[in-house]
Amino acid sequence: MERQRQFIQPLVYCSVVFITLGIAIANEILARFGLENNYLFAFSIAFVVAGMLLSKNVIFLVIVILGVFAINLPDATLLQYHLDRDVLLALVCATLLVPSVYQLIMR
């Protein structure tokens, strides 16, 4: 019984990250290119983002969660705090990509 629980826990964790963060980031990225209605691209990008997030530690995951939360704020709130949605999206993407690129370079 314990072995089955150990197998299900990572699957649940992966699916939650994929559904929440992966889809949100993929939709924002594709909306910038005008491809938000293409579900194949959205699924592919969401799968890659979820895979990258699962390989990071908890601090990066929290930063990405806060970034996605800020991206999804209403336009009036973003203007009130002088934030730009594109800059926030770039920050989230940089948070995902910089550690991976650093690991590739340092190997």
N, C-alpha and C. Protein backbone atom coordinates (compact mmCIF):
# COMPACT_ATOMS: atom_id res chain seq x y z
N MET A 1 0.81 -1.19 0.00
CA MET A 1 0.00 0.00 0.00
C MET A 1 0.86 1.26 0.00
N GLU A 2 1.97 1.23 0.73
CA GLU A 2 2.86 2.38 0.80
C GLU A 2 3.52 2.65 -0.55
N ARG A 3 3.83 1.59 -1.27
CA ARG A 3 4.47 1.76 -2.57
C ARG A 3 3.54 2.46 -3.56
N GLN A 4 2.27 2.14 -3.52
CA GLN A 4 1.31 2.77 -4.41
C GLN A 4 1.19 4.25 -4.09
N ARG A 5 1.23 4.62 -2.82
CA ARG A 5 1.14 6.02 -2.42
C ARG A 5 2.37 6.79 -2.90
N GLN A 6 3.54 6.18 -2.84
CA GLN A 6 4.76 6.82 -3.30
C GLN A 6 4.73 7.04 -4.81
N PHE A 7 4.00 6.24 -5.53
CA PHE A 7 3.89 6.39 -6.97
C PHE A 7 2.87 7.47 -7.33
N ILE A 8 1.81 7.59 -6.57
CA ILE A 8 0.74 8.52 -6.90
C ILE A 8 1.10 9.95 -6.51
N GLN A 9 1.84 10.16 -5.44
CA GLN A 9 2.15 11.50 -4.98
C GLN A 9 2.89 12.35 -6.03
N PRO A 10 3.95 11.85 -6.68
CA PRO A 10 4.59 12.67 -7.73
C PRO A 10 3.67 12.94 -8.91
N LEU A 11 2.81 12.00 -9.25
CA LEU A 11 1.88 12.22 -10.36
C LEU A 11 0.89 13.33 -10.04
N VAL A 12 0.40 13.35 -8.82
CA VAL A 12 -0.53 14.39 -8.41
C VAL A 12 0.17 15.74 -8.39
N TYR A 13 1.37 15.78 -7.86
CA TYR A 13 2.15 17.01 -7.81
C TYR A 13 2.42 17.54 -9.22
N CYS A 14 2.81 16.64 -10.12
CA CYS A 14 3.09 17.03 -11.51
C CYS A 14 1.83 17.55 -12.20
N SER A 15 0.71 16.89 -11.99
CA SER A 15 -0.52 17.32 -12.65
C SER A 15 -1.00 18.67 -12.11
N VAL A 16 -0.83 18.92 -10.82
CA VAL A 16 -1.23 20.22 -10.26
C VAL A 16 -0.36 21.33 -10.83
N VAL A 17 0.94 21.12 -10.91
CA VAL A 17 1.84 22.13 -11.48
C VAL A 17 1.51 22.34 -12.96
N PHE A 18 1.25 21.26 -13.68
CA PHE A 18 0.92 21.38 -15.10
C PHE A 18 -0.37 22.17 -15.30
N ILE A 19 -1.40 21.83 -14.54
CA ILE A 19 -2.70 22.46 -14.73
C ILE A 19 -2.68 23.93 -14.31
N THR A 20 -2.04 24.24 -13.20
CA THR A 20 -2.09 25.61 -12.71
C THR A 20 -1.05 26.50 -13.36
N LEU A 21 0.20 26.20 -13.17
CA LEU A 21 1.25 27.09 -13.64
C LEU A 21 1.57 26.91 -15.11
N GLY A 22 1.65 25.68 -15.56
CA GLY A 22 2.01 25.43 -16.96
C GLY A 22 1.03 26.04 -17.94
N ILE A 23 -0.24 25.80 -17.71
CA ILE A 23 -1.26 26.35 -18.61
C ILE A 23 -1.31 27.87 -18.52
N ALA A 24 -1.19 28.45 -17.33
CA ALA A 24 -1.25 29.90 -17.19
C ALA A 24 -0.09 30.58 -17.91
N ILE A 25 1.10 30.05 -17.76
CA ILE A 25 2.26 30.64 -18.44
C ILE A 25 2.18 30.43 -19.95
N ALA A 26 1.76 29.26 -20.37
CA ALA A 26 1.65 28.98 -21.80
C ALA A 26 0.62 29.89 -22.46
N ASN A 27 -0.52 30.11 -21.82
CA ASN A 27 -1.53 30.99 -22.39
C ASN A 27 -1.03 32.42 -22.51
N GLU A 28 -0.30 32.90 -21.51
CA GLU A 28 0.23 34.26 -21.58
C GLU A 28 1.28 34.40 -22.67
N ILE A 29 2.14 33.40 -22.80
CA ILE A 29 3.17 33.47 -23.84
C ILE A 29 2.54 33.43 -25.22
N LEU A 30 1.60 32.52 -25.42
CA LEU A 30 0.97 32.39 -26.74
C LEU A 30 0.06 33.58 -27.06
N ALA A 31 -0.51 34.22 -26.04
CA ALA A 31 -1.35 35.40 -26.29
C ALA A 31 -0.51 36.54 -26.86
N ARG A 32 0.75 36.61 -26.48
CA ARG A 32 1.63 37.67 -27.00
C ARG A 32 1.91 37.47 -28.49
N PHE A 33 1.86 36.22 -28.95
CA PHE A 33 2.10 35.93 -30.36
C PHE A 33 0.81 35.76 -31.15
N GLY A 34 -0.34 35.88 -30.51
CA GLY A 34 -1.62 35.73 -31.18
C GLY A 34 -2.00 34.29 -31.45
N LEU A 35 -1.45 33.35 -30.70
CA LEU A 35 -1.72 31.93 -30.91
C LEU A 35 -2.45 31.30 -29.74
N GLU A 36 -3.21 32.09 -28.99
CA GLU A 36 -3.83 31.56 -27.78
C GLU A 36 -4.90 30.51 -28.05
N ASN A 37 -5.41 30.39 -29.26
CA ASN A 37 -6.43 29.39 -29.57
C ASN A 37 -5.84 28.09 -30.11
N ASN A 38 -4.54 28.00 -30.22
CA ASN A 38 -3.89 26.78 -30.69
C ASN A 38 -3.58 25.90 -29.49
N TYR A 39 -4.39 24.87 -29.29
CA TYR A 39 -4.28 24.04 -28.09
C TYR A 39 -3.06 23.13 -28.12
N LEU A 40 -2.58 22.76 -29.29
CA LEU A 40 -1.39 21.92 -29.38
C LEU A 40 -0.17 22.68 -28.87
N PHE A 41 0.00 23.93 -29.28
CA PHE A 41 1.10 24.75 -28.78
C PHE A 41 0.97 24.98 -27.29
N ALA A 42 -0.25 25.27 -26.83
CA ALA A 42 -0.47 25.53 -25.41
C ALA A 42 -0.12 24.31 -24.57
N PHE A 43 -0.54 23.13 -25.01
CA PHE A 43 -0.24 21.90 -24.28
C PHE A 43 1.27 21.63 -24.29
N SER A 44 1.92 21.84 -25.42
CA SER A 44 3.35 21.58 -25.52
C SER A 44 4.16 22.51 -24.62
N ILE A 45 3.85 23.78 -24.66
CA ILE A 45 4.56 24.73 -23.82
C ILE A 45 4.27 24.47 -22.35
N ALA A 46 3.01 24.17 -22.03
CA ALA A 46 2.66 23.89 -20.63
C ALA A 46 3.40 22.65 -20.13
N PHE A 47 3.56 21.65 -20.96
CA PHE A 47 4.28 20.44 -20.58
C PHE A 47 5.75 20.74 -20.31
N VAL A 48 6.37 21.55 -21.15
CA VAL A 48 7.78 21.92 -20.97
C VAL A 48 7.94 22.75 -19.70
N VAL A 49 7.06 23.72 -19.49
CA VAL A 49 7.13 24.57 -18.30
C VAL A 49 6.95 23.75 -17.03
N ALA A 50 6.00 22.84 -17.03
CA ALA A 50 5.78 21.99 -15.86
C ALA A 50 7.00 21.11 -15.60
N GLY A 51 7.60 20.59 -16.62
CA GLY A 51 8.82 19.79 -16.45
C GLY A 51 9.96 20.61 -15.89
N MET A 52 10.10 21.83 -16.34
CA MET A 52 11.15 22.70 -15.81
C MET A 52 10.88 23.08 -14.36
N LEU A 53 9.62 23.32 -14.03
CA LEU A 53 9.29 23.68 -12.66
C LEU A 53 9.50 22.53 -11.69
N LEU A 54 9.24 21.33 -12.12
CA LEU A 54 9.39 20.19 -11.23
C LEU A 54 10.86 19.88 -10.94
N SER A 55 11.75 20.35 -11.79
CA SER A 55 13.17 20.11 -11.55
C SER A 55 13.81 21.18 -10.68
N LYS A 56 13.08 22.22 -10.34
CA LYS A 56 13.61 23.32 -9.52
C LYS A 56 13.27 23.08 -8.06
N ASN A 57 13.87 23.89 -7.19
CA ASN A 57 13.55 23.76 -5.78
C ASN A 57 12.33 24.63 -5.43
N VAL A 58 11.94 24.62 -4.20
CA VAL A 58 10.69 25.25 -3.76
C VAL A 58 10.76 26.77 -3.90
N ILE A 59 11.92 27.37 -3.72
CA ILE A 59 12.03 28.84 -3.81
C ILE A 59 11.68 29.31 -5.21
N PHE A 60 12.19 28.64 -6.23
CA PHE A 60 11.86 29.01 -7.60
C PHE A 60 10.38 28.80 -7.89
N LEU A 61 9.84 27.74 -7.35
CA LEU A 61 8.41 27.48 -7.53
C LEU A 61 7.56 28.59 -6.92
N VAL A 62 7.93 29.07 -5.76
CA VAL A 62 7.20 30.17 -5.11
C VAL A 62 7.33 31.46 -5.92
N ILE A 63 8.52 31.73 -6.44
CA ILE A 63 8.72 32.93 -7.27
C ILE A 63 7.84 32.87 -8.52
N VAL A 64 7.78 31.71 -9.15
CA VAL A 64 6.95 31.56 -10.34
C VAL A 64 5.47 31.69 -10.00
N ILE A 65 5.05 31.13 -8.87
CA ILE A 65 3.65 31.26 -8.44
C ILE A 65 3.29 32.73 -8.22
N LEU A 66 4.16 33.47 -7.55
CA LEU A 66 3.90 34.90 -7.34
C LEU A 66 3.89 35.67 -8.66
N GLY A 67 4.78 35.29 -9.57
CA GLY A 67 4.80 35.95 -10.88
C GLY A 67 3.54 35.68 -11.68
N VAL A 68 3.07 34.45 -11.67
CA VAL A 68 1.84 34.11 -12.39
C VAL A 68 0.64 34.81 -11.74
N PHE A 69 0.64 34.89 -10.42
CA PHE A 69 -0.43 35.62 -9.73
C PHE A 69 -0.42 37.09 -10.14
N ALA A 70 0.76 37.69 -10.23
CA ALA A 70 0.85 39.10 -10.63
C ALA A 70 0.46 39.29 -12.09
N ILE A 71 0.80 38.35 -12.95
CA ILE A 71 0.43 38.46 -14.37
C ILE A 71 -1.09 38.45 -14.53
N ASN A 72 -1.78 37.68 -13.72
CA ASN A 72 -3.22 37.55 -13.85
C ASN A 72 -4.02 38.60 -13.10
N LEU A 73 -3.35 39.61 -12.54
CA LEU A 73 -4.07 40.71 -11.90
C LEU A 73 -4.79 41.54 -12.97
N PRO A 74 -5.86 42.22 -12.60
CA PRO A 74 -6.55 43.08 -13.57
C PRO A 74 -5.66 44.23 -14.04
N ASP A 75 -5.97 44.77 -15.20
CA ASP A 75 -5.17 45.85 -15.78
C ASP A 75 -5.13 47.08 -14.88
N ALA A 76 -6.23 47.41 -14.22
CA ALA A 76 -6.27 48.58 -13.36
C ALA A 76 -5.30 48.44 -12.18
N THR A 77 -5.21 47.24 -11.64
CA THR A 77 -4.29 47.01 -10.52
C THR A 77 -2.85 47.09 -10.99
N LEU A 78 -2.57 46.55 -12.15
CA LEU A 78 -1.21 46.63 -12.68
C LEU A 78 -0.81 48.08 -12.95
N LEU A 79 -1.71 48.87 -13.48
CA LEU A 79 -1.42 50.28 -13.72
C LEU A 79 -1.23 51.04 -12.42
N GLN A 80 -1.98 50.68 -11.40
CA GLN A 80 -1.87 51.36 -10.11
C GLN A 80 -0.48 51.16 -9.51
N TYR A 81 0.08 49.98 -9.68
CA TYR A 81 1.40 49.69 -9.14
C TYR A 81 2.51 49.87 -10.17
N HIS A 82 2.21 50.44 -11.32
CA HIS A 82 3.16 50.71 -12.40
C HIS A 82 3.89 49.44 -12.84
N LEU A 83 3.14 48.37 -13.03
CA LEU A 83 3.68 47.11 -13.50
C LEU A 83 3.24 46.85 -14.93
N ASP A 84 4.09 46.22 -15.69
CA ASP A 84 3.77 45.86 -17.06
C ASP A 84 3.68 44.34 -17.15
N ARG A 85 2.64 43.85 -17.77
CA ARG A 85 2.41 42.42 -17.87
C ARG A 85 3.54 41.73 -18.66
N ASP A 86 4.07 42.39 -19.67
CA ASP A 86 5.15 41.80 -20.46
C ASP A 86 6.43 41.65 -19.63
N VAL A 87 6.71 42.63 -18.80
CA VAL A 87 7.89 42.56 -17.94
C VAL A 87 7.74 41.45 -16.91
N LEU A 88 6.54 41.31 -16.36
CA LEU A 88 6.29 40.23 -15.41
C LEU A 88 6.44 38.86 -16.08
N LEU A 89 5.96 38.75 -17.31
CA LEU A 89 6.11 37.49 -18.04
C LEU A 89 7.58 37.20 -18.32
N ALA A 90 8.34 38.23 -18.66
CA ALA A 90 9.78 38.05 -18.88
C ALA A 90 10.48 37.63 -17.58
N LEU A 91 10.04 38.18 -16.46
CA LEU A 91 10.61 37.80 -15.17
C LEU A 91 10.34 36.33 -14.85
N VAL A 92 9.13 35.88 -15.10
CA VAL A 92 8.79 34.48 -14.86
C VAL A 92 9.59 33.56 -15.79
N CYS A 93 9.68 33.92 -17.05
CA CYS A 93 10.45 33.10 -17.99
C CYS A 93 11.93 33.09 -17.64
N ALA A 94 12.46 34.22 -17.21
CA ALA A 94 13.87 34.26 -16.79
C ALA A 94 14.09 33.41 -15.55
N THR A 95 13.14 33.42 -14.64
CA THR A 95 13.25 32.58 -13.44
C THR A 95 13.28 31.11 -13.81
N LEU A 96 12.57 30.75 -14.86
CA LEU A 96 12.58 29.36 -15.31
C LEU A 96 13.85 28.99 -16.07
N LEU A 97 14.33 29.89 -16.91
CA LEU A 97 15.40 29.55 -17.84
C LEU A 97 16.81 29.76 -17.31
N VAL A 98 17.04 30.79 -16.51
CA VAL A 98 18.40 31.13 -16.08
C VAL A 98 19.08 29.99 -15.31
N PRO A 99 18.43 29.38 -14.32
CA PRO A 99 19.12 28.27 -13.63
C PRO A 99 19.45 27.09 -14.55
N SER A 100 18.58 26.81 -15.49
CA SER A 100 18.84 25.70 -16.42
C SER A 100 20.01 26.02 -17.34
N VAL A 101 20.06 27.24 -17.84
CA VAL A 101 21.17 27.65 -18.71
C VAL A 101 22.47 27.67 -17.92
N TYR A 102 22.40 28.12 -16.68
CA TYR A 102 23.60 28.16 -15.83
C TYR A 102 24.14 26.73 -15.61
N GLN A 103 23.26 25.79 -15.36
CA GLN A 103 23.69 24.40 -15.17
C GLN A 103 24.32 23.83 -16.45
N LEU A 104 23.75 24.18 -17.61
CA LEU A 104 24.33 23.70 -18.87
C LEU A 104 25.71 24.27 -19.12
N ILE A 105 25.90 25.53 -18.78
CA ILE A 105 27.19 26.18 -19.02
C ILE A 105 28.25 25.66 -18.06
N MET A 106 27.87 25.45 -16.81
CA MET A 106 28.85 25.04 -15.80
C MET A 106 29.23 23.57 -15.88
N ARG A 107 28.54 22.76 -16.64
CA ARG A 107 28.91 21.34 -16.77
C ARG A 107 30.02 21.19 -17.69
